[in-house]
C-alpha atoms as a PDB file:
ATOM      1  CA  MET A   1     -14.476  -0.987   0.947  1.00  0.00           C
ATOM      2  CA  LYS A   2     -12.296   2.110   0.051  1.00  0.00           C
ATOM      3  CA  VAL A   3      -8.726   1.146  -0.563  1.00  0.00           C
ATOM      4  CA  LEU A   4      -5.876   3.345  -1.112  1.00  0.00           C
ATOM      5  CA  ALA A   5      -3.394   1.357  -3.115  1.00  0.00           C
ATOM      6  CA  ILE A   6       0.523   2.777  -2.608  1.00  0.00           C
ATOM      7  CA  SER A   7       3.285   1.816  -4.451  1.00  0.00           C
ATOM      8  CA  GLY A   8       6.997   2.181  -3.148  1.00  0.00           C
ATOM      9  CA  SER A   9       8.285   2.673  -6.714  1.00  0.00           C
ATOM     10  CA  ARG A  10       8.352   6.160  -8.125  1.00  0.00           C
ATOM     11  CA  ARG A  11       9.585   4.508 -11.500  1.00  0.00           C
ATOM     12  CA  ALA A  12       7.302   5.343 -14.589  1.00  0.00           C
ATOM     13  CA  ALA A  13       7.185   1.376 -15.483  1.00  0.00           C
ATOM     14  CA  SER A  14       6.914   0.061 -12.156  1.00  0.00           C
ATOM     15  CA  THR A  15       6.274  -3.422 -11.399  1.00  0.00           C
ATOM     16  CA  ASN A  16       4.563  -2.475  -8.212  1.00  0.00           C
ATOM     17  CA  THR A  17       2.541   0.208  -9.552  1.00  0.00           C
ATOM     18  CA  ALA A  18       1.430  -2.043 -12.366  1.00  0.00           C
ATOM     19  CA  LEU A  19       0.377  -4.658  -9.822  1.00  0.00           C
ATOM     20  CA  LEU A  20      -1.747  -2.353  -7.790  1.00  0.00           C
ATOM     21  CA  ARG A  21      -3.314  -1.221 -11.070  1.00  0.00           C
ATOM     22  CA  GLY A  22      -3.982  -4.944 -11.689  1.00  0.00           C
ATOM     23  CA  LEU A  23      -5.799  -4.852  -7.924  1.00  0.00           C
ATOM     24  CA  ALA A  24      -7.968  -2.139  -9.058  1.00  0.00           C
ATOM     25  CA  ALA A  25      -9.022  -3.316 -12.448  1.00  0.00           C
ATOM     26  CA  ALA A  26      -9.546  -6.739 -10.561  1.00  0.00           C
ATOM     27  CA  ALA A  27     -11.731  -5.207  -7.646  1.00  0.00           C
ATOM     28  CA  GLY A  28     -15.287  -6.501  -7.578  1.00  0.00           C
ATOM     29  CA  PRO A  29     -18.265  -4.149  -6.758  1.00  0.00           C
ATOM     30  CA  GLY A  30     -17.837  -4.287  -3.089  1.00  0.00           C
ATOM     31  CA  HIS A  31     -14.401  -2.499  -3.223  1.00  0.00           C
ATOM     32  CA  ALA A  32     -12.943   0.751  -4.813  1.00  0.00           C
ATOM     33  CA  VAL A  33      -9.184   0.763  -5.193  1.00  0.00           C
ATOM     34  CA  THR A  34      -7.699   4.069  -5.763  1.00  0.00           C
ATOM     35  CA  LEU A  35      -3.990   4.431  -6.573  1.00  0.00           C
ATOM     36  CA  CYS A  36      -1.971   6.731  -4.587  1.00  0.00           C
ATOM     37  CA  ASP A  37       0.182   9.338  -6.319  1.00  0.00           C
ATOM     38  CA  GLY A  38       2.023  12.094  -5.123  1.00  0.00           C
ATOM     39  CA  LEU A  39       4.667  10.305  -2.922  1.00  0.00           C
ATOM     40  CA  GLY A  40       7.263  12.044  -4.893  1.00  0.00           C
ATOM     41  CA  ASP A  41       6.082  15.419  -4.015  1.00  0.00           C
ATOM     42  CA  LEU A  42       6.505  14.874  -0.421  1.00  0.00           C
ATOM     43  CA  PRO A  43       9.250  16.744   1.258  1.00  0.00           C
ATOM     44  CA  ILE A  44      12.299  14.938   3.334  1.00  0.00           C
ATOM     45  CA  PHE A  45      10.551  14.082   6.676  1.00  0.00           C
ATOM     46  CA  SER A  46      11.499  16.658   9.422  1.00  0.00           C
ATOM     47  CA  PRO A  47       9.780  16.687  12.867  1.00  0.00           C
ATOM     48  CA  ASP A  48      10.193  20.702  12.803  1.00  0.00           C
ATOM     49  CA  ARG A  49       7.667  20.466   9.478  1.00  0.00           C
ATOM     50  CA  GLU A  50       5.171  18.623  10.898  1.00  0.00           C
ATOM     51  CA  GLY A  51       2.786  21.376  11.871  1.00  0.00           C
ATOM     52  CA  PRO A  52       0.001  22.240  12.317  1.00  0.00           C
ATOM     53  CA  PRO A  53      -0.284  22.413   9.481  1.00  0.00           C
ATOM     54  CA  ALA A  54       2.178  20.132   7.590  1.00  0.00           C
ATOM     55  CA  PRO A  55       3.447  20.863   4.070  1.00  0.00           C
ATOM     56  CA  PRO A  56       0.463  21.063   1.525  1.00  0.00           C
ATOM     57  CA  ALA A  57       1.750  17.765  -0.087  1.00  0.00           C
ATOM     58  CA  VAL A  58       1.865  16.152   3.463  1.00  0.00           C
ATOM     59  CA  GLU A  59      -1.466  17.073   4.145  1.00  0.00           C
ATOM     60  CA  ALA A  60      -3.091  15.844   1.039  1.00  0.00           C
ATOM     61  CA  PHE A  61      -1.646  12.340   1.225  1.00  0.00           C
ATOM     62  CA  ALA A  62      -2.511  11.969   5.044  1.00  0.00           C
ATOM     63  CA  ALA A  63      -5.930  13.013   3.979  1.00  0.00           C
ATOM     64  CA  ALA A  64      -5.946  10.285   1.284  1.00  0.00           C
ATOM     65  CA  VAL A  65      -4.818   7.868   3.894  1.00  0.00           C
ATOM     66  CA  GLY A  66      -7.441   9.059   6.299  1.00  0.00           C
ATOM     67  CA  ARG A  67     -10.411   8.611   3.691  1.00  0.00           C
ATOM     68  CA  ALA A  68      -9.490   4.856   2.976  1.00  0.00           C
ATOM     69  CA  ASP A  69     -10.986   2.364   4.766  1.00  0.00           C
ATOM     70  CA  ALA A  70      -7.946   0.301   3.869  1.00  0.00           C
ATOM     71  CA  LEU A  71      -4.304   0.525   2.407  1.00  0.00           C
ATOM     72  CA  VAL A  72      -2.525  -1.805   0.224  1.00  0.00           C
ATOM     73  CA  ILE A  73       1.116  -1.247  -0.497  1.00  0.00           C
ATOM     74  CA  SER A  74       3.328  -3.105  -2.977  1.00  0.00           C
ATOM     75  CA  CYS A  75       7.049  -2.038  -2.369  1.00  0.00           C
ATOM     76  CA  PRO A  76      10.277  -2.788  -4.203  1.00  0.00           C
ATOM     77  CA  GLU A  77      13.331  -3.933  -2.380  1.00  0.00           C
ATOM     78  CA  TYR A  78      16.310  -1.523  -2.812  1.00  0.00           C
ATOM     79  CA  VAL A  79      19.656  -2.481  -1.391  1.00  0.00           C
ATOM     80  CA  ARG A  80      17.943  -5.047   0.735  1.00  0.00           C
ATOM     81  CA  ALA A  81      15.458  -2.700   2.399  1.00  0.00           C
ATOM     82  CA  MET A  82      12.726  -0.231   1.277  1.00  0.00           C
ATOM     83  CA  PRO A  83      12.823   2.599  -0.667  1.00  0.00           C
ATOM     84  CA  GLY A  84      13.880   6.056   0.952  1.00  0.00           C
ATOM     85  CA  GLY A  85      10.891   7.563  -0.804  1.00  0.00           C
ATOM     86  CA  PHE A  86       8.294   5.272   0.847  1.00  0.00           C
ATOM     87  CA  LYS A  87       9.958   5.121   4.220  1.00  0.00           C
ATOM     88  CA  ASN A  88      10.001   9.068   4.182  1.00  0.00           C
ATOM     89  CA  ALA A  89       6.172   8.760   3.271  1.00  0.00           C
ATOM     90  CA  VAL A  90       5.583   6.667   6.583  1.00  0.00           C
ATOM     91  CA  ASP A  91       7.599   8.910   8.318  1.00  0.00           C
ATOM     92  CA  TRP A  92       5.216  11.790   7.766  1.00  0.00           C
ATOM     93  CA  LEU A  93       2.391   9.767   9.255  1.00  0.00           C
ATOM     94  CA  VAL A  94       3.950   8.381  12.338  1.00  0.00           C
ATOM     95  CA  SER A  95       2.859  11.266  14.727  1.00  0.00           C
ATOM     96  CA  ARG A  96      -0.477  11.600  12.816  1.00  0.00           C
ATOM     97  CA  ASP A  97      -3.746   9.830  13.733  1.00  0.00           C
ATOM     98  CA  GLU A  98      -4.285   8.725  10.170  1.00  0.00           C
ATOM     99  CA  ILE A  99      -2.541   5.482  10.080  1.00  0.00           C
ATOM    100  CA  ILE A 100      -2.580   4.472  13.924  1.00  0.00           C
ATOM    101  CA  ALA A 101      -5.554   1.925  13.504  1.00  0.00           C
ATOM    102  CA  LYS A 102      -5.764   1.552   9.832  1.00  0.00           C
ATOM    103  CA  PRO A 103      -5.961  -1.691   8.199  1.00  0.00           C
ATOM    104  CA  ILE A 104      -2.916  -2.402   5.994  1.00  0.00           C
ATOM    105  CA  ALA A 105      -2.046  -5.401   3.815  1.00  0.00           C
ATOM    106  CA  LEU A 106       0.829  -6.251   1.600  1.00  0.00           C
ATOM    107  CA  LEU A 107       1.107  -7.049  -2.145  1.00  0.00           C
ATOM    108  CA  HIS A 108       4.244  -8.292  -3.716  1.00  0.00           C
ATOM    109  CA  ALA A 109       5.351  -8.359  -7.335  1.00  0.00           C
ATOM    110  CA  SER A 110       8.556 -10.465  -7.188  1.00  0.00           C
ATOM    111  CA  HIS A 111       9.488 -13.917  -6.055  1.00  0.00           C
ATOM    112  CA  ARG A 112      12.165 -12.681  -4.004  1.00  0.00           C
ATOM    113  CA  GLY A 113      12.560  -9.518  -1.787  1.00  0.00           C
ATOM    114  CA  GLU A 114      12.471 -11.110   1.468  1.00  0.00           C
ATOM    115  CA  ASP A 115      14.250  -8.330   3.256  1.00  0.00           C
ATOM    116  CA  VAL A 116      12.003  -5.571   2.339  1.00  0.00           C
ATOM    117  CA  LEU A 117       8.787  -7.537   3.427  1.00  0.00           C
ATOM    118  CA  ALA A 118      10.684  -7.962   6.789  1.00  0.00           C
ATOM    119  CA  ASP A 119      11.262  -4.022   6.808  1.00  0.00           C
ATOM    120  CA  LEU A 120       7.747  -3.640   5.601  1.00  0.00           C
ATOM    121  CA  ARG A 121       6.230  -5.867   8.371  1.00  0.00           C
ATOM    122  CA  ARG A 122       8.237  -4.439  11.060  1.00  0.00           C
ATOM    123  CA  VAL A 123       7.656  -0.578  10.272  1.00  0.00           C
ATOM    124  CA  LEU A 124       3.990  -0.978   9.619  1.00  0.00           C
ATOM    125  CA  GLY A 125       3.168  -3.253  12.585  1.00  0.00           C
ATOM    126  CA  THR A 126       4.761  -0.416  14.491  1.00  0.00           C
ATOM    127  CA  VAL A 127       2.829   2.599  13.120  1.00  0.00           C
ATOM    128  CA  SER A 128      -0.721   0.751  12.791  1.00  0.00           C
ATOM    129  CA  ALA A 129      -2.465  -1.711  15.307  1.00  0.00           C
ATOM    130  CA  GLY A 130      -4.700  -2.410  11.906  1.00  0.00           C
ATOM    131  CA  PHE A 131      -1.635  -4.055  10.237  1.00  0.00           C
ATOM    132  CA  ALA A 132      -2.532  -7.253   8.936  1.00  0.00           C
ATOM    133  CA  PRO A 133       0.759  -9.699   8.224  1.00  0.00           C
ATOM    134  CA  ASP A 134      -1.274 -12.536   7.151  1.00  0.00           C
ATOM    135  CA  ILE A 135      -3.337 -10.936   4.619  1.00  0.00           C
ATOM    136  CA  PHE A 136      -0.602 -11.120   1.680  1.00  0.00           C
ATOM    137  CA  ASP A 137      -0.190 -12.259  -1.646  1.00  0.00           C
ATOM    138  CA  ARG A 138       2.597 -12.406  -4.230  1.00  0.00           C
ATOM    139  CA  PHE A 139       2.593 -12.472  -7.960  1.00  0.00           C
ATOM    140  CA  GLU A 140       5.964 -13.092  -9.888  1.00  0.00           C
ATOM    141  CA  LEU A 141       5.978 -10.135 -12.065  1.00  0.00           C
ATOM    142  CA  MET A 142       9.595  -9.138 -12.197  1.00  0.00           C
ATOM    143  CA  LYS A 143      10.816  -8.423 -16.076  1.00  0.00           C
ATOM    144  CA  LEU A 144       7.373  -7.896 -17.363  1.00  0.00           C
ATOM    145  CA  THR A 145       6.342  -4.560 -19.006  1.00  0.00           C
ATOM    146  CA  PRO A 146       2.958  -3.009 -17.271  1.00  0.00           C
ATOM    147  CA  ASP A 147       1.079  -3.965 -20.374  1.00  0.00           C
ATOM    148  CA  GLU A 148       1.939  -7.684 -19.781  1.00  0.00           C
ATOM    149  CA  ILE A 149       1.363  -7.321 -15.961  1.00  0.00           C
ATOM    150  CA  ALA A 150      -2.118  -5.926 -16.982  1.00  0.00           C
ATOM    151  CA  GLU A 151      -2.616  -8.923 -19.277  1.00  0.00           C
ATOM    152  CA  ARG A 152      -1.576 -11.554 -16.470  1.00  0.00           C
ATOM    153  CA  LEU A 153      -3.538 -10.174 -13.741  1.00  0.00           C
ATOM    154  CA  ALA A 154      -6.689  -9.897 -15.942  1.00  0.00           C
ATOM    155  CA  ALA A 155      -6.480 -13.767 -16.317  1.00  0.00           C
ATOM    156  CA  PRO A 156      -9.474 -15.541 -14.403  1.00  0.00           C
ATOM    157  CA  GLU A 157      -7.269 -17.131 -11.775  1.00  0.00           C
ATOM    158  CA  ALA A 158      -5.448 -14.011 -10.830  1.00  0.00           C
ATOM    159  CA  THR A 159      -8.457 -12.098 -10.762  1.00  0.00           C
ATOM    160  CA  ALA A 160     -10.093 -14.229  -8.355  1.00  0.00           C
ATOM    161  CA  ARG A 161      -6.659 -14.201  -6.204  1.00  0.00           C
ATOM    162  CA  LEU A 162      -6.762 -10.298  -6.131  1.00  0.00           C
ATOM    163  CA  ARG A 163     -10.477 -10.241  -5.365  1.00  0.00           C
ATOM    164  CA  GLY A 164     -10.191 -12.792  -2.540  1.00  0.00           C
ATOM    165  CA  PHE A 165      -7.267 -10.655  -1.344  1.00  0.00           C
ATOM    166  CA  LEU A 166      -9.569  -7.599  -1.298  1.00  0.00           C
ATOM    167  CA  ASP A 167     -12.348  -9.811   0.375  1.00  0.00           C
ATOM    168  CA  ARG A 168      -9.750 -11.081   3.315  1.00  0.00           C
ATOM    169  CA  LEU A 169      -8.749  -7.398   4.051  1.00  0.00           C
ATOM    170  CA  ALA A 170     -12.465  -6.082   4.138  1.00  0.00           C
ATOM    171  CA  VAL A 171     -13.192  -8.706   6.746  1.00  0.00           C
ATOM    172  CA  HIS A 172     -10.183  -7.537   8.801  1.00  0.00           C
ATOM    173  CA  ALA A 173     -11.268  -3.891   8.483  1.00  0.00           C
ATOM    174  CA  GLN A 174     -14.979  -4.826   9.485  1.00  0.00           C
ATOM    175  CA  ALA A 175     -13.566  -6.726  12.420  1.00  0.00           C
ATOM    176  CA  LEU A 176     -11.371  -3.588  13.708  1.00  0.00           C
ATOM    177  CA  VAL A 177     -14.658  -1.638  13.147  1.00  0.00           C
ATOM    178  CA  SER A 178     -16.896  -3.998  15.267  1.00  0.00           C
ATOM    179  CA  ALA A 179     -14.060  -3.916  18.010  1.00  0.00           C
ATOM    180  CA  GLY A 180     -13.728  -0.361  18.141  1.00  0.00           C
ATOM    181  CA  GLY A 181     -10.297   0.048  16.772  1.00  0.00           C
END
């Protein structure tokens, strides 16, 4: 299964991005996890610019989403909501086909952040019939450096959890394909 991992943070030392790197490192032979970069290159959403064609950065992002069998999102909470840059990326996909039935699951890098999780579930459940709110895992990684996160996620128990998460997502994605979605 080809997974596109999208971090809602653009911070260089992002906990969420480090979690997704750990997911990629833990992936077993049946899964390929690619980190999405370029959300920071997306212009501010405007229906007047949706195209076709949309701006090149939007076309590249949408193509990456389209090539993936599933999406995994890890997103921080800013002011009790999802960051504007991440919401902007979702807005660019709303009227496109790439996300409509895409299997999507959430990873979370904090012991808190219930407001952003509620926002993500509401928004992603609206834009994709393939959103799987029950395929979820949380790792308490706040205040750790990316190197500390990598070390923690390389531990056998964490690797097993991440592989189990990917396996559950793969089962969900296959069920959607089998159902014609």
